[in-house]
């Protein structure tokens, strides 16, 4: 077996290994996505995140209004 044959064989083995790794990753991802518990957790996270965003948004607005009022009051004192 010549050096070129050896290199070609190595290349084939590397390509085969890469294909097997891709297939393994694809199989694992499909199992994770198909897991009913994972799907339920995903829906729960989506539902919970919306009220959380609204709550955080209203708190930010309240904080901004308080800061504005304090600034307005302090300007009136000087």
Protein backbone atom coordinates (compact mmCIF):
# COMPACT_ATOMS: atom_id res chain seq x y z
CA UNK A 1 0.00 0.00 0.00
CA UNK A 2 1.46 3.34 -1.05
CA UNK A 3 1.40 6.54 0.94
CA UNK A 4 -1.32 7.99 -1.28
CA UNK A 5 -3.48 4.92 -0.71
CA UNK A 6 -2.96 5.24 3.03
CA UNK A 7 -3.93 8.92 2.96
CA UNK A 8 -7.04 8.19 0.89
CA UNK A 9 -8.05 5.45 3.32
CA UNK A 10 -7.57 7.83 6.26
CA UNK A 11 -9.68 10.44 4.48
CA UNK A 12 -12.46 7.90 3.92
CA UNK A 13 -12.35 6.93 7.60
CA UNK A 14 -12.49 10.56 8.71
CA UNK A 15 -15.46 11.21 6.42
CA UNK A 16 -17.24 8.11 7.72
CA UNK A 17 -16.59 9.19 11.30
CA UNK A 18 -18.00 12.66 10.60
CA UNK A 19 -21.14 11.18 9.04
CA UNK A 20 -21.65 8.90 12.04
CA UNK A 21 -21.22 11.82 14.44
CA UNK A 22 -23.76 13.90 12.49
CA UNK A 23 -26.23 11.02 12.53
CA UNK A 24 -25.76 10.53 16.28
CA UNK A 25 -26.31 14.22 17.00
CA UNK A 26 -29.40 14.34 14.78
CA UNK A 27 -30.83 11.27 16.52
CA UNK A 28 -30.20 12.74 19.97
CA UNK A 29 -31.77 16.08 19.03
CA UNK A 30 -34.86 14.38 17.65
CA UNK A 31 -35.23 12.40 20.88
CA UNK A 32 -34.90 15.56 22.98
CA UNK A 33 -37.45 17.43 20.86
CA UNK A 34 -39.88 14.49 20.92
CA UNK A 35 -39.67 14.08 24.71
CA UNK A 36 -43.15 14.97 26.10
CA UNK A 37 -41.71 16.40 29.31
CA UNK A 38 -39.46 18.70 27.32
CA UNK A 39 -42.39 19.87 25.20
CA UNK A 40 -44.47 20.57 28.32
CA UNK A 41 -41.62 22.50 29.93
CA UNK A 42 -41.21 24.54 26.76
CA UNK A 43 -44.89 25.52 26.77
CA UNK A 44 -44.75 26.32 30.49
CA UNK A 45 -41.71 28.52 29.98
CA UNK A 46 -43.44 30.41 27.16
CA UNK A 47 -46.56 30.99 29.24
CA UNK A 48 -44.59 32.08 32.29
CA UNK A 49 -42.28 34.41 30.39
CA UNK A 50 -45.04 36.65 29.05
CA UNK A 51 -46.45 37.74 32.44
CA UNK A 52 -42.89 38.09 33.70
CA UNK A 53 -42.08 40.47 30.87
CA UNK A 54 -45.20 42.49 31.57
CA UNK A 55 -44.35 42.62 35.29
CA UNK A 56 -40.80 43.70 34.60
CA UNK A 57 -41.98 46.31 32.12
CA UNK A 58 -44.44 47.85 34.54
CA UNK A 59 -41.84 47.91 37.29
CA UNK A 60 -39.41 49.68 34.97
CA UNK A 61 -42.04 52.28 34.11
CA UNK A 62 -42.85 52.81 37.80
CA UNK A 63 -39.17 53.26 38.58
CA UNK A 64 -38.81 55.79 35.77
CA UNK A 65 -41.89 57.74 36.94
CA UNK A 66 -40.61 57.82 40.53
CA UNK A 67 -37.21 59.05 39.37
CA UNK A 68 -38.89 61.75 37.26
CA UNK A 69 -41.05 62.88 40.18
CA UNK A 70 -38.08 63.00 42.54
CA UNK A 71 -36.13 65.02 40.03
CA UNK A 72 -39.05 67.41 39.55
CA UNK A 73 -39.47 67.86 43.32
CA UNK A 74 -35.75 68.45 43.81
CA UNK A 75 -35.68 71.09 41.04
CA UNK A 76 -38.54 72.94 42.75
CA UNK A 77 -36.63 73.09 46.04
CA UNK A 78 -33.55 74.74 44.59
